Amino acid sequence: HTSAARRAITEVNAIDITDPDLPRTTVVTITTRVKELLDMLATHAERQ
């Protein structure tokens, strides 16, 4: 889970999210990754 979170953070950091011309697919990808990561972390926290 930590490794997956670090990869997601690296991916998001590599994207200029302040760019007003950011492609919609990139926004969808970022949103999807963040949602998946939050789901995974919540599940892990519940198991813990």
All heavy atoms as atom14 arrays in JSON, in Angstrom:
{
  "sequence": "HTSAARRAITEVNAIDITDPDLPRTTVVTITTRVKELLDMLATHAERQ",
  "atom14_mask": [
    [1, 1, 1, 1, 1, 1, 1, 1, 1, 1, 0, 0, 0, 0],
    [1, 1, 1, 1, 1, 1, 1, 0, 0, 0, 0, 0, 0, 0],
    [1, 1, 1, 1, 1, 1, 0, 0, 0, 0, 0, 0, 0, 0],
    [1, 1, 1, 1, 1, 0, 0, 0, 0, 0, 0, 0, 0, 0],
    [1, 1, 1, 1, 1, 0, 0, 0, 0, 0, 0, 0, 0, 0],
    [1, 1, 1, 1, 1, 1, 1, 1, 1, 1, 1, 0, 0, 0],
    [1, 1, 1, 1, 1, 1, 1, 1, 1, 1, 1, 0, 0, 0],
    [1, 1, 1, 1, 1, 0, 0, 0, 0, 0, 0, 0, 0, 0],
    [1, 1, 1, 1, 1, 1, 1, 1, 0, 0, 0, 0, 0, 0],
    [1, 1, 1, 1, 1, 1, 1, 0, 0, 0, 0, 0, 0, 0],
    [1, 1, 1, 1, 1, 1, 1, 1, 1, 0, 0, 0, 0, 0],
    [1, 1, 1, 1, 1, 1, 1, 0, 0, 0, 0, 0, 0, 0],
    [1, 1, 1, 1, 1, 1, 1, 1, 0, 0, 0, 0, 0, 0],
    [1, 1, 1, 1, 1, 0, 0, 0, 0, 0, 0, 0, 0, 0],
    [1, 1, 1, 1, 1, 1, 1, 1, 0, 0, 0, 0, 0, 0],
    [1, 1, 1, 1, 1, 1, 1, 1, 0, 0, 0, 0, 0, 0],
    [1, 1, 1, 1, 1, 1, 1, 1, 0, 0, 0, 0, 0, 0],
    [1, 1, 1, 1, 1, 1, 1, 0, 0, 0, 0, 0, 0, 0],
    [1, 1, 1, 1, 1, 1, 1, 1, 0, 0, 0, 0, 0, 0],
    [1, 1, 1, 1, 1, 1, 1, 0, 0, 0, 0, 0, 0, 0],
    [1, 1, 1, 1, 1, 1, 1, 1, 0, 0, 0, 0, 0, 0],
    [1, 1, 1, 1, 1, 1, 1, 1, 0, 0, 0, 0, 0, 0],
    [1, 1, 1, 1, 1, 1, 1, 0, 0, 0, 0, 0, 0, 0],
    [1, 1, 1, 1, 1, 1, 1, 1, 1, 1, 1, 0, 0, 0],
    [1, 1, 1, 1, 1, 1, 1, 0, 0, 0, 0, 0, 0, 0],
    [1, 1, 1, 1, 1, 1, 1, 0, 0, 0, 0, 0, 0, 0],
    [1, 1, 1, 1, 1, 1, 1, 0, 0, 0, 0, 0, 0, 0],
    [1, 1, 1, 1, 1, 1, 1, 0, 0, 0, 0, 0, 0, 0],
    [1, 1, 1, 1, 1, 1, 1, 0, 0, 0, 0, 0, 0, 0],
    [1, 1, 1, 1, 1, 1, 1, 1, 0, 0, 0, 0, 0, 0],
    [1, 1, 1, 1, 1, 1, 1, 0, 0, 0, 0, 0, 0, 0],
    [1, 1, 1, 1, 1, 1, 1, 0, 0, 0, 0, 0, 0, 0],
    [1, 1, 1, 1, 1, 1, 1, 1, 1, 1, 1, 0, 0, 0],
    [1, 1, 1, 1, 1, 1, 1, 0, 0, 0, 0, 0, 0, 0],
    [1, 1, 1, 1, 1, 1, 1, 1, 1, 0, 0, 0, 0, 0],
    [1, 1, 1, 1, 1, 1, 1, 1, 1, 0, 0, 0, 0, 0],
    [1, 1, 1, 1, 1, 1, 1, 1, 0, 0, 0, 0, 0, 0],
    [1, 1, 1, 1, 1, 1, 1, 1, 0, 0, 0, 0, 0, 0],
    [1, 1, 1, 1, 1, 1, 1, 1, 0, 0, 0, 0, 0, 0],
    [1, 1, 1, 1, 1, 1, 1, 1, 0, 0, 0, 0, 0, 0],
    [1, 1, 1, 1, 1, 1, 1, 1, 0, 0, 0, 0, 0, 0],
    [1, 1, 1, 1, 1, 0, 0, 0, 0, 0, 0, 0, 0, 0],
    [1, 1, 1, 1, 1, 1, 1, 0, 0, 0, 0, 0, 0, 0],
    [1, 1, 1, 1, 1, 1, 1, 1, 1, 1, 0, 0, 0, 0],
    [1, 1, 1, 1, 1, 0, 0, 0, 0, 0, 0, 0, 0, 0],
    [1, 1, 1, 1, 1, 1, 1, 1, 1, 0, 0, 0, 0, 0],
    [1, 1, 1, 1, 1, 1, 1, 1, 1, 1, 1, 0, 0, 0],
    [1, 1, 1, 1, 1, 1, 1, 1, 1, 0, 0, 0, 0, 0]
  ],
  "atom14_positions": [
    [[0.83, -1.21, 0.0], [0.0, 0.0, 0.0], [0.87, 1.25, 0.0], [0.57, 2.23, -0.7], [-0.95, 0.02, 1.19], [-2.04, -1.01, 1.11], [-2.73, -1.27, -0.05], [-2.56, -1.82, 2.04], [-3.63, -2.21, 0.18], [-3.55, -2.56, 1.44], [0.0, 0.0, 0.0], [0.0, 0.0, 0.0], [0.0, 0.0, 0.0], [0.0, 0.0, 0.0]],
    [[1.93, 1.25, 0.79], [2.83, 2.39, 0.84], [3.48, 2.62, -0.52], [3.56, 3.74, -1.0], [3.91, 2.17, 1.92], [3.26, 1.98, 3.18], [4.85, 3.35, 2.01], [0.0, 0.0, 0.0], [0.0, 0.0, 0.0], [0.0, 0.0, 0.0], [0.0, 0.0, 0.0], [0.0, 0.0, 0.0], [0.0, 0.0, 0.0], [0.0, 0.0, 0.0]],
    [[3.92, 1.54, -1.14], [4.53, 1.64, -2.46], [3.55, 2.19, -3.49], [3.9, 3.07, -4.3], [5.03, 0.26, -2.89], [5.57, 0.3, -4.17], [0.0, 0.0, 0.0], [0.0, 0.0, 0.0], [0.0, 0.0, 0.0], [0.0, 0.0, 0.0], [0.0, 0.0, 0.0], [0.0, 0.0, 0.0], [0.0, 0.0, 0.0], [0.0, 0.0, 0.0]],
    [[2.32, 1.71, -3.47], [1.3, 2.21, -4.4], [1.02, 3.68, -4.16], [0.87, 4.46, -5.12], [0.02, 1.39, -4.26], [0.0, 0.0, 0.0], [0.0, 0.0, 0.0], [0.0, 0.0, 0.0], [0.0, 0.0, 0.0], [0.0, 0.0, 0.0], [0.0, 0.0, 0.0], [0.0, 0.0, 0.0], [0.0, 0.0, 0.0], [0.0, 0.0, 0.0]],
    [[0.96, 4.08, -2.91], [0.71, 5.48, -2.58], [1.85, 6.36, -3.08], [1.63, 7.42, -3.65], [0.53, 5.65, -1.08], [0.0, 0.0, 0.0], [0.0, 0.0, 0.0], [0.0, 0.0, 0.0], [0.0, 0.0, 0.0], [0.0, 0.0, 0.0], [0.0, 0.0, 0.0], [0.0, 0.0, 0.0], [0.0, 0.0, 0.0], [0.0, 0.0, 0.0]],
    [[3.07, 5.9, -2.88], [4.24, 6.68, -3.34], [4.24, 6.82, -4.86], [4.57, 7.88, -5.4], [5.54, 6.04, -2.87], [5.7, 5.97, -1.38], [6.12, 7.29, -0.8], [6.24, 7.18, 0.64], [5.74, 8.06, 1.48], [5.12, 9.12, 1.06], [5.87, 7.89, 2.77], [0.0, 0.0, 0.0], [0.0, 0.0, 0.0], [0.0, 0.0, 0.0]],
    [[3.87, 5.76, -5.57], [3.8, 5.83, -7.04], [2.74, 6.84, -7.47], [2.97, 7.65, -8.38], [3.49, 4.46, -7.63], [4.7, 3.55, -7.76], [4.42, 2.31, -8.62], [3.22, 1.58, -8.24], [3.16, 0.66, -7.29], [4.24, 0.35, -6.6], [2.03, 0.03, -7.03], [0.0, 0.0, 0.0], [0.0, 0.0, 0.0], [0.0, 0.0, 0.0]],
    [[1.59, 6.81, -6.82], [0.52, 7.75, -7.16], [0.95, 9.19, -6.89], [0.68, 10.08, -7.7], [-0.76, 7.41, -6.39], [0.0, 0.0, 0.0], [0.0, 0.0, 0.0], [0.0, 0.0, 0.0], [0.0, 0.0, 0.0], [0.0, 0.0, 0.0], [0.0, 0.0, 0.0], [0.0, 0.0, 0.0], [0.0, 0.0, 0.0], [0.0, 0.0, 0.0]],
    [[1.61, 9.4, -5.78], [2.1, 10.75, -5.45], [3.1, 11.22, -6.5], [3.04, 12.37, -6.96], [2.73, 10.76, -4.04], [1.63, 10.59, -2.98], [3.52, 12.05, -3.8], [2.16, 10.29, -1.6], [0.0, 0.0, 0.0], [0.0, 0.0, 0.0], [0.0, 0.0, 0.0], [0.0, 0.0, 0.0], [0.0, 0.0, 0.0], [0.0, 0.0, 0.0]],
    [[3.99, 10.34, -6.92], [4.98, 10.68, -7.94], [4.29, 11.03, -9.26], [4.66, 12.01, -9.91], [5.97, 9.51, -8.14], [6.64, 9.27, -6.9], [6.98, 9.82, -9.21], [0.0, 0.0, 0.0], [0.0, 0.0, 0.0], [0.0, 0.0, 0.0], [0.0, 0.0, 0.0], [0.0, 0.0, 0.0], [0.0, 0.0, 0.0], [0.0, 0.0, 0.0]],
    [[3.28, 10.26, -9.63], [2.55, 10.52, -10.87], [1.87, 11.89, -10.83], [1.93, 12.66, -11.79], [1.49, 9.44, -11.12], [2.06, 8.11, -11.53], [0.98, 7.03, -11.62], [-0.22, 7.39, -11.69], [1.33, 5.85, -11.61], [0.0, 0.0, 0.0], [0.0, 0.0, 0.0], [0.0, 0.0, 0.0], [0.0, 0.0, 0.0], [0.0, 0.0, 0.0]],
    [[1.21, 12.19, -9.71], [0.5, 13.47, -9.58], [1.5, 14.62, -9.54], [1.28, 15.67, -10.16], [-0.42, 13.47, -8.34], [-0.99, 14.86, -8.08], [-1.53, 12.46, -8.51], [0.0, 0.0, 0.0], [0.0, 0.0, 0.0], [0.0, 0.0, 0.0], [0.0, 0.0, 0.0], [0.0, 0.0, 0.0], [0.0, 0.0, 0.0], [0.0, 0.0, 0.0]],
    [[2.6, 14.44, -8.84], [3.62, 15.49, -8.78], [4.23, 15.79, -10.15], [4.67, 16.92, -10.39], [4.74, 15.12, -7.8], [4.32, 15.32, -6.36], [3.38, 16.04, -6.06], [5.02, 14.66, -5.46], [0.0, 0.0, 0.0], [0.0, 0.0, 0.0], [0.0, 0.0, 0.0], [0.0, 0.0, 0.0], [0.0, 0.0, 0.0], [0.0, 0.0, 0.0]],
    [[4.23, 14.81, -11.03], [4.82, 15.0, -12.37], [3.9, 15.77, -13.3], [4.32, 16.19, -14.37], [5.16, 13.64, -12.97], [0.0, 0.0, 0.0], [0.0, 0.0, 0.0], [0.0, 0.0, 0.0], [0.0, 0.0, 0.0], [0.0, 0.0, 0.0], [0.0, 0.0, 0.0], [0.0, 0.0, 0.0], [0.0, 0.0, 0.0], [0.0, 0.0, 0.0]],
    [[2.66, 15.99, -12.88], [1.68, 16.66, -13.73], [1.47, 18.08, -13.21], [1.34, 18.31, -12.0], [0.33, 15.9, -13.71], [0.53, 14.5, -14.27], [-0.73, 16.65, -14.49], [-0.66, 13.58, -14.04], [0.0, 0.0, 0.0], [0.0, 0.0, 0.0], [0.0, 0.0, 0.0], [0.0, 0.0, 0.0], [0.0, 0.0, 0.0], [0.0, 0.0, 0.0]],
    [[1.44, 19.04, -14.11], [1.17, 20.42, -13.73], [-0.33, 20.58, -13.59], [-1.03, 20.92, -14.55], [1.73, 21.38, -14.78], [1.48, 22.84, -14.42], [1.09, 23.1, -13.26], [1.68, 23.71, -15.29], [0.0, 0.0, 0.0], [0.0, 0.0, 0.0], [0.0, 0.0, 0.0], [0.0, 0.0, 0.0], [0.0, 0.0, 0.0], [0.0, 0.0, 0.0]],
    [[-0.83, 20.37, -12.38], [-2.28, 20.4, -12.17], [-2.84, 21.82, -12.2], [-4.04, 22.0, -12.2], [-2.68, 19.68, -10.86], [-2.0, 20.34, -9.66], [-2.35, 18.21, -10.93], [-2.47, 19.79, -8.32], [0.0, 0.0, 0.0], [0.0, 0.0, 0.0], [0.0, 0.0, 0.0], [0.0, 0.0, 0.0], [0.0, 0.0, 0.0], [0.0, 0.0, 0.0]],
    [[-1.96, 22.82, -12.22], [-2.44, 24.21, -12.32], [-2.63, 24.64, -13.77], [-3.14, 25.73, -14.03], [-1.45, 25.17, -11.64], [-0.18, 25.09, -12.3], [-1.3, 24.83, -10.17], [0.0, 0.0, 0.0], [0.0, 0.0, 0.0], [0.0, 0.0, 0.0], [0.0, 0.0, 0.0], [0.0, 0.0, 0.0], [0.0, 0.0, 0.0], [0.0, 0.0, 0.0]],
    [[-2.25, 23.8, -14.71], [-2.38, 24.11, -16.14], [-3.87, 24.14, -16.52], [-4.55, 23.13, -16.44], [-1.65, 23.05, -16.96], [-1.74, 23.28, -18.46], [-2.32, 24.31, -18.87], [-1.24, 22.42, -19.21], [0.0, 0.0, 0.0], [0.0, 0.0, 0.0], [0.0, 0.0, 0.0], [0.0, 0.0, 0.0], [0.0, 0.0, 0.0], [0.0, 0.0, 0.0]],
    [[-4.38, 25.31, -16.95], [-5.79, 25.39, -17.3], [-6.13, 24.56, -18.54], [-7.31, 24.23, -18.77], [-6.02, 26.88, -17.55], [-4.68, 27.45, -17.82], [-3.69, 26.57, -17.11], [0.0, 0.0, 0.0], [0.0, 0.0, 0.0], [0.0, 0.0, 0.0], [0.0, 0.0, 0.0], [0.0, 0.0, 0.0], [0.0, 0.0, 0.0], [0.0, 0.0, 0.0]],
    [[-5.13, 24.2, -19.33], [-5.36, 23.4, -20.53], [-5.07, 21.92, -20.3], [-4.88, 21.17, -21.26], [-4.48, 23.92, -21.68], [-4.83, 25.36, -22.06], [-6.03, 25.68, -22.01], [-3.91, 26.13, -22.39], [0.0, 0.0, 0.0], [0.0, 0.0, 0.0], [0.0, 0.0, 0.0], [0.0, 0.0, 0.0], [0.0, 0.0, 0.0], [0.0, 0.0, 0.0]],
    [[-5.07, 21.52, -19.05], [-4.81, 20.11, -18.71], [-5.85, 19.24, -19.39], [-7.05, 19.49, -19.26], [-4.87, 19.93, -17.19], [-4.33, 18.63, -16.61], [-2.83, 18.5, -16.87], [-4.59, 18.59, -15.12], [0.0, 0.0, 0.0], [0.0, 0.0, 0.0], [0.0, 0.0, 0.0], [0.0, 0.0, 0.0], [0.0, 0.0, 0.0], [0.0, 0.0, 0.0]],
    [[-5.41, 18.26, -20.15], [-6.37, 17.4, -20.87], [-7.33, 16.7, -19.9], [-6.95, 16.29, -18.81], [-5.5, 16.37, -21.59], [-4.14, 16.97, -21.62], [-4.03, 17.86, -20.43], [0.0, 0.0, 0.0], [0.0, 0.0, 0.0], [0.0, 0.0, 0.0], [0.0, 0.0, 0.0], [0.0, 0.0, 0.0], [0.0, 0.0, 0.0], [0.0, 0.0, 0.0]],
    [[-8.56, 16.57, -20.34], [-9.59, 15.92, -19.52], [-9.18, 14.51, -19.14], [-9.43, 14.07, -18.01], [-10.93, 15.92, -20.27], [-12.04, 15.22, -19.51], [-13.4, 15.38, -20.21], [-14.39, 14.48, -19.71], [-14.96, 14.54, -18.51], [-14.61, 15.47, -17.68], [-15.88, 13.67, -18.16], [0.0, 0.0, 0.0], [0.0, 0.0, 0.0], [0.0, 0.0, 0.0]],
    [[-8.56, 13.79, -20.04], [-8.15, 12.41, -19.72], [-7.14, 12.39, -18.57], [-7.18, 11.48, -17.74], [-7.54, 11.71, -20.96], [-6.46, 12.49, -21.45], [-8.58, 11.52, -22.04], [0.0, 0.0, 0.0], [0.0, 0.0, 0.0], [0.0, 0.0, 0.0], [0.0, 0.0, 0.0], [0.0, 0.0, 0.0], [0.0, 0.0, 0.0], [0.0, 0.0, 0.0]],
    [[-6.29, 13.39, -18.52], [-5.32, 13.47, -17.43], [-6.03, 13.74, -16.11], [-5.71, 13.12, -15.08], [-4.27, 14.57, -17.7], [-3.64, 14.31, -18.94], [-3.24, 14.63, -16.6], [0.0, 0.0, 0.0], [0.0, 0.0, 0.0], [0.0, 0.0, 0.0], [0.0, 0.0, 0.0], [0.0, 0.0, 0.0], [0.0, 0.0, 0.0], [0.0, 0.0, 0.0]],
    [[-7.0, 14.62, -16.12], [-7.79, 14.92, -14.91], [-8.53, 13.67, -14.45], [-8.54, 13.34, -13.25], [-8.78, 16.08, -15.18], [-9.71, 16.28, -13.98], [-8.03, 17.37, -15.49], [0.0, 0.0, 0.0], [0.0, 0.0, 0.0], [0.0, 0.0, 0.0], [0.0, 0.0, 0.0], [0.0, 0.0, 0.0], [0.0, 0.0, 0.0], [0.0, 0.0, 0.0]],
    [[-9.12, 12.95, -15.39], [-9.85, 11.72, -15.05], [-8.88, 10.69, -14.48], [-9.18, 10.02, -13.49], [-10.59, 11.17, -16.29], [-11.13, 9.76, -16.02], [-11.72, 12.1, -16.7], [0.0, 0.0, 0.0], [0.0, 0.0, 0.0], [0.0, 0.0, 0.0], [0.0, 0.0, 0.0], [0.0, 0.0, 0.0], [0.0, 0.0, 0.0], [0.0, 0.0, 0.0]],
    [[-7.71, 10.58, -15.07], [-6.7, 9.62, -14.59], [-6.28, 9.96, -13.17], [-6.22, 9.08, -12.3], [-5.46, 9.62, -15.52], [-5.88, 9.23, -16.82], [-4.4, 8.67, -15.02], [0.0, 0.0, 0.0], [0.0, 0.0, 0.0], [0.0, 0.0, 0.0], [0.0, 0.0, 0.0], [0.0, 0.0, 0.0], [0.0, 0.0, 0.0], [0.0, 0.0, 0.0]],
    [[-5.99, 11.23, -12.92], [-5.58, 11.64, -11.58], [-6.71, 11.37, -10.57], [-6.48, 10.81, -9.49], [-5.21, 13.14, -11.55], [-3.92, 13.38, -12.33], [-5.05, 13.64, -10.12], [-3.61, 14.86, -12.53], [0.0, 0.0, 0.0], [0.0, 0.0, 0.0], [0.0, 0.0, 0.0], [0.0, 0.0, 0.0], [0.0, 0.0, 0.0], [0.0, 0.0, 0.0]],
    [[-7.92, 11.76, -10.91], [-9.06, 11.57, -10.02], [-9.28, 10.09, -9.72], [-9.51, 9.69, -8.57], [-10.33, 12.19, -10.63], [-10.07, 13.57, -10.93], [-11.51, 12.08, -9.7], [0.0, 0.0, 0.0], [0.0, 0.0, 0.0], [0.0, 0.0, 0.0], [0.0, 0.0, 0.0], [0.0, 0.0, 0.0], [0.0, 0.0, 0.0], [0.0, 0.0, 0.0]],
    [[-9.18, 9.28, -10.75], [-9.37, 7.84, -10.59], [-8.28, 7.25, -9.69], [-8.58, 6.46, -8.79], [-9.35, 7.13, -11.96], [-10.39, 7.68, -12.76], [-9.56, 5.64, -11.81], [0.0, 0.0, 0.0], [0.0, 0.0, 0.0], [0.0, 0.0, 0.0], [0.0, 0.0, 0.0], [0.0, 0.0, 0.0], [0.0, 0.0, 0.0], [0.0, 0.0, 0.0]],
    [[-7.03, 7.65, -9.92], [-5.92, 7.14, -9.1], [-6.09, 7.54, -7.64], [-5.88, 6.73, -6.73], [-4.58, 7.67, -9.62], [-4.12, 7.06, -10.91], [-3.54, 5.68, -10.75], [-2.23, 5.75, -10.13], [-1.74, 4.83, -9.31], [-2.43, 3.76, -9.03], [-0.55, 4.96, -8.77], [0.0, 0.0, 0.0], [0.0, 0.0, 0.0], [0.0, 0.0, 0.0]],
    [[-6.49, 8.78, -7.41], [-6.67, 9.25, -6.03], [-7.8, 8.49, -5.36], [-7.69, 8.06, -4.21], [-6.9, 10.78, -5.99], [-7.36, 11.24, -4.62], [-5.64, 11.52, -6.41], [0.0, 0.0, 0.0], [0.0, 0.0, 0.0], [0.0, 0.0, 0.0], [0.0, 0.0, 0.0], [0.0, 0.0, 0.0], [0.0, 0.0, 0.0], [0.0, 0.0, 0.0]],
    [[-8.9, 8.27, -6.07], [-10.03, 7.52, -5.52], [-9.62, 6.09, -5.19], [-9.93, 5.57, -4.11], [-11.22, 7.53, -6.48], [-12.46, 6.87, -5.89], [-13.15, 6.04, -6.96], [-14.32, 5.27, -6.41], [-13.97, 4.03, -5.76], [0.0, 0.0, 0.0], [0.0, 0.0, 0.0], [0.0, 0.0, 0.0], [0.0, 0.0, 0.0], [0.0, 0.0, 0.0]],
    [[-8.92, 5.44, -6.12], [-8.46, 4.06, -5.87], [-7.53, 4.01, -4.67], [-7.62, 3.1, -3.84], [-7.74, 3.52, -7.1], [-8.65, 3.23, -8.28], [-7.88, 2.9, -9.55], [-6.63, 3.06, -9.58], [-8.52, 2.48, -10.53], [0.0, 0.0, 0.0], [0.0, 0.0, 0.0], [0.0, 0.0, 0.0], [0.0, 0.0, 0.0], [0.0, 0.0, 0.0]],
    [[-6.65, 4.98, -4.58], [-5.71, 5.02, -3.47], [-6.44, 5.22, -2.14], [-6.15, 4.53, -1.16], [-4.7, 6.15, -3.69], [-3.61, 6.32, -2.65], [-2.76, 5.06, -2.56], [-2.75, 7.51, -3.0], [0.0, 0.0, 0.0], [0.0, 0.0, 0.0], [0.0, 0.0, 0.0], [0.0, 0.0, 0.0], [0.0, 0.0, 0.0], [0.0, 0.0, 0.0]],
    [[-7.4, 6.12, -2.12], [-8.16, 6.34, -0.89], [-8.97, 5.11, -0.51], [-9.05, 4.76, 0.68], [-9.07, 7.56, -1.05], [-8.36, 8.91, -1.09], [-9.34, 10.02, -1.42], [-7.64, 9.19, 0.21], [0.0, 0.0, 0.0], [0.0, 0.0, 0.0], [0.0, 0.0, 0.0], [0.0, 0.0, 0.0], [0.0, 0.0, 0.0], [0.0, 0.0, 0.0]],
    [[-9.57, 4.45, -1.48], [-10.29, 3.2, -1.21], [-9.36, 2.15, -0.61], [-9.69, 1.48, 0.38], [-10.92, 2.64, -2.49], [-12.17, 3.37, -2.92], [-12.74, 4.12, -2.1], [-12.57, 3.2, -4.09], [0.0, 0.0, 0.0], [0.0, 0.0, 0.0], [0.0, 0.0, 0.0], [0.0, 0.0, 0.0], [0.0, 0.0, 0.0], [0.0, 0.0, 0.0]],
    [[-8.18, 2.01, -1.2], [-7.21, 1.02, -0.74], [-6.75, 1.34, 0.68], [-6.69, 0.46, 1.54], [-6.01, 1.01, -1.69], [-4.93, 0.04, -1.3], [-3.53, 0.1, -2.45], [-3.0, 1.8, -2.31], [0.0, 0.0, 0.0], [0.0, 0.0, 0.0], [0.0, 0.0, 0.0], [0.0, 0.0, 0.0], [0.0, 0.0, 0.0], [0.0, 0.0, 0.0]],
    [[-6.47, 2.61, 0.95], [-6.0, 2.99, 2.28], [-7.1, 2.83, 3.32], [-6.83, 2.4, 4.45], [-5.47, 4.42, 2.26], [-4.18, 4.62, 1.45], [-3.8, 6.08, 1.42], [-3.05, 3.77, 1.99], [0.0, 0.0, 0.0], [0.0, 0.0, 0.0], [0.0, 0.0, 0.0], [0.0, 0.0, 0.0], [0.0, 0.0, 0.0], [0.0, 0.0, 0.0]],
    [[-8.34, 3.14, 2.96], [-9.45, 2.96, 3.89], [-9.65, 1.48, 4.22], [-9.84, 1.12, 5.39], [-10.73, 3.55, 3.31], [0.0, 0.0, 0.0], [0.0, 0.0, 0.0], [0.0, 0.0, 0.0], [0.0, 0.0, 0.0], [0.0, 0.0, 0.0], [0.0, 0.0, 0.0], [0.0, 0.0, 0.0], [0.0, 0.0, 0.0], [0.0, 0.0, 0.0]],
    [[-9.58, 0.64, 3.21], [-9.71, -0.81, 3.43], [-8.59, -1.32, 4.32], [-8.82, -2.1, 5.26], [-9.7, -1.55, 2.08], [-10.81, -1.1, 1.3], [-9.79, -3.06, 2.27], [0.0, 0.0, 0.0], [0.0, 0.0, 0.0], [0.0, 0.0, 0.0], [0.0, 0.0, 0.0], [0.0, 0.0, 0.0], [0.0, 0.0, 0.0], [0.0, 0.0, 0.0]],
    [[-7.39, -0.85, 4.06], [-6.24, -1.28, 4.87], [-6.41, -0.81, 6.32], [-6.15, -1.57, 7.26], [-4.94, -0.73, 4.27], [-3.72, -1.25, 4.94], [-3.39, -2.58, 4.94], [-2.74, -0.61, 5.62], [-2.25, -2.74, 5.61], [-1.85, -1.56, 6.03], [0.0, 0.0, 0.0], [0.0, 0.0, 0.0], [0.0, 0.0, 0.0], [0.0, 0.0, 0.0]],
    [[-6.86, 0.42, 6.5], [-7.08, 0.94, 7.86], [-8.14, 0.12, 8.59], [-7.99, -0.17, 9.78], [-7.47, 2.41, 7.79], [0.0, 0.0, 0.0], [0.0, 0.0, 0.0], [0.0, 0.0, 0.0], [0.0, 0.0, 0.0], [0.0, 0.0, 0.0], [0.0, 0.0, 0.0], [0.0, 0.0, 0.0], [0.0, 0.0, 0.0], [0.0, 0.0, 0.0]],
    [[-9.19, -0.26, 7.88], [-10.24, -1.09, 8.5], [-9.67, -2.44, 8.91], [-9.97, -2.95, 10.0], [-11.4, -1.28, 7.53], [-12.22, -0.03, 7.33], [-13.18, -0.11, 6.15], [-13.1, -1.07, 5.35], [-14.02, 0.8, 6.02], [0.0, 0.0, 0.0], [0.0, 0.0, 0.0], [0.0, 0.0, 0.0], [0.0, 0.0, 0.0], [0.0, 0.0, 0.0]],
    [[-8.85, -3.04, 8.07], [-8.23, -4.33, 8.41], [-7.3, -4.19, 9.6], [-7.25, -5.06, 10.47], [-7.46, -4.88, 7.21], [-8.34, -5.39, 6.12], [-7.52, -5.93, 4.97], [-8.37, -6.36, 3.89], [-8.01, -6.39, 2.62], [-6.79, -6.03, 2.27], [-8.84, -6.79, 1.7], [0.0, 0.0, 0.0], [0.0, 0.0, 0.0], [0.0, 0.0, 0.0]],
    [[-6.56, -3.09, 9.64], [-5.66, -2.85, 10.77], [-6.47, -2.72, 12.06], [-6.07, -3.25, 13.1], [-4.83, -1.58, 10.54], [-3.81, -1.69, 9.44], [-2.63, -2.56, 9.82], [-2.48, -2.99, 10.96], [-1.78, -2.83, 8.86], [0.0, 0.0, 0.0], [0.0, 0.0, 0.0], [0.0, 0.0, 0.0], [0.0, 0.0, 0.0], [0.0, 0.0, 0.0]]
  ]
}
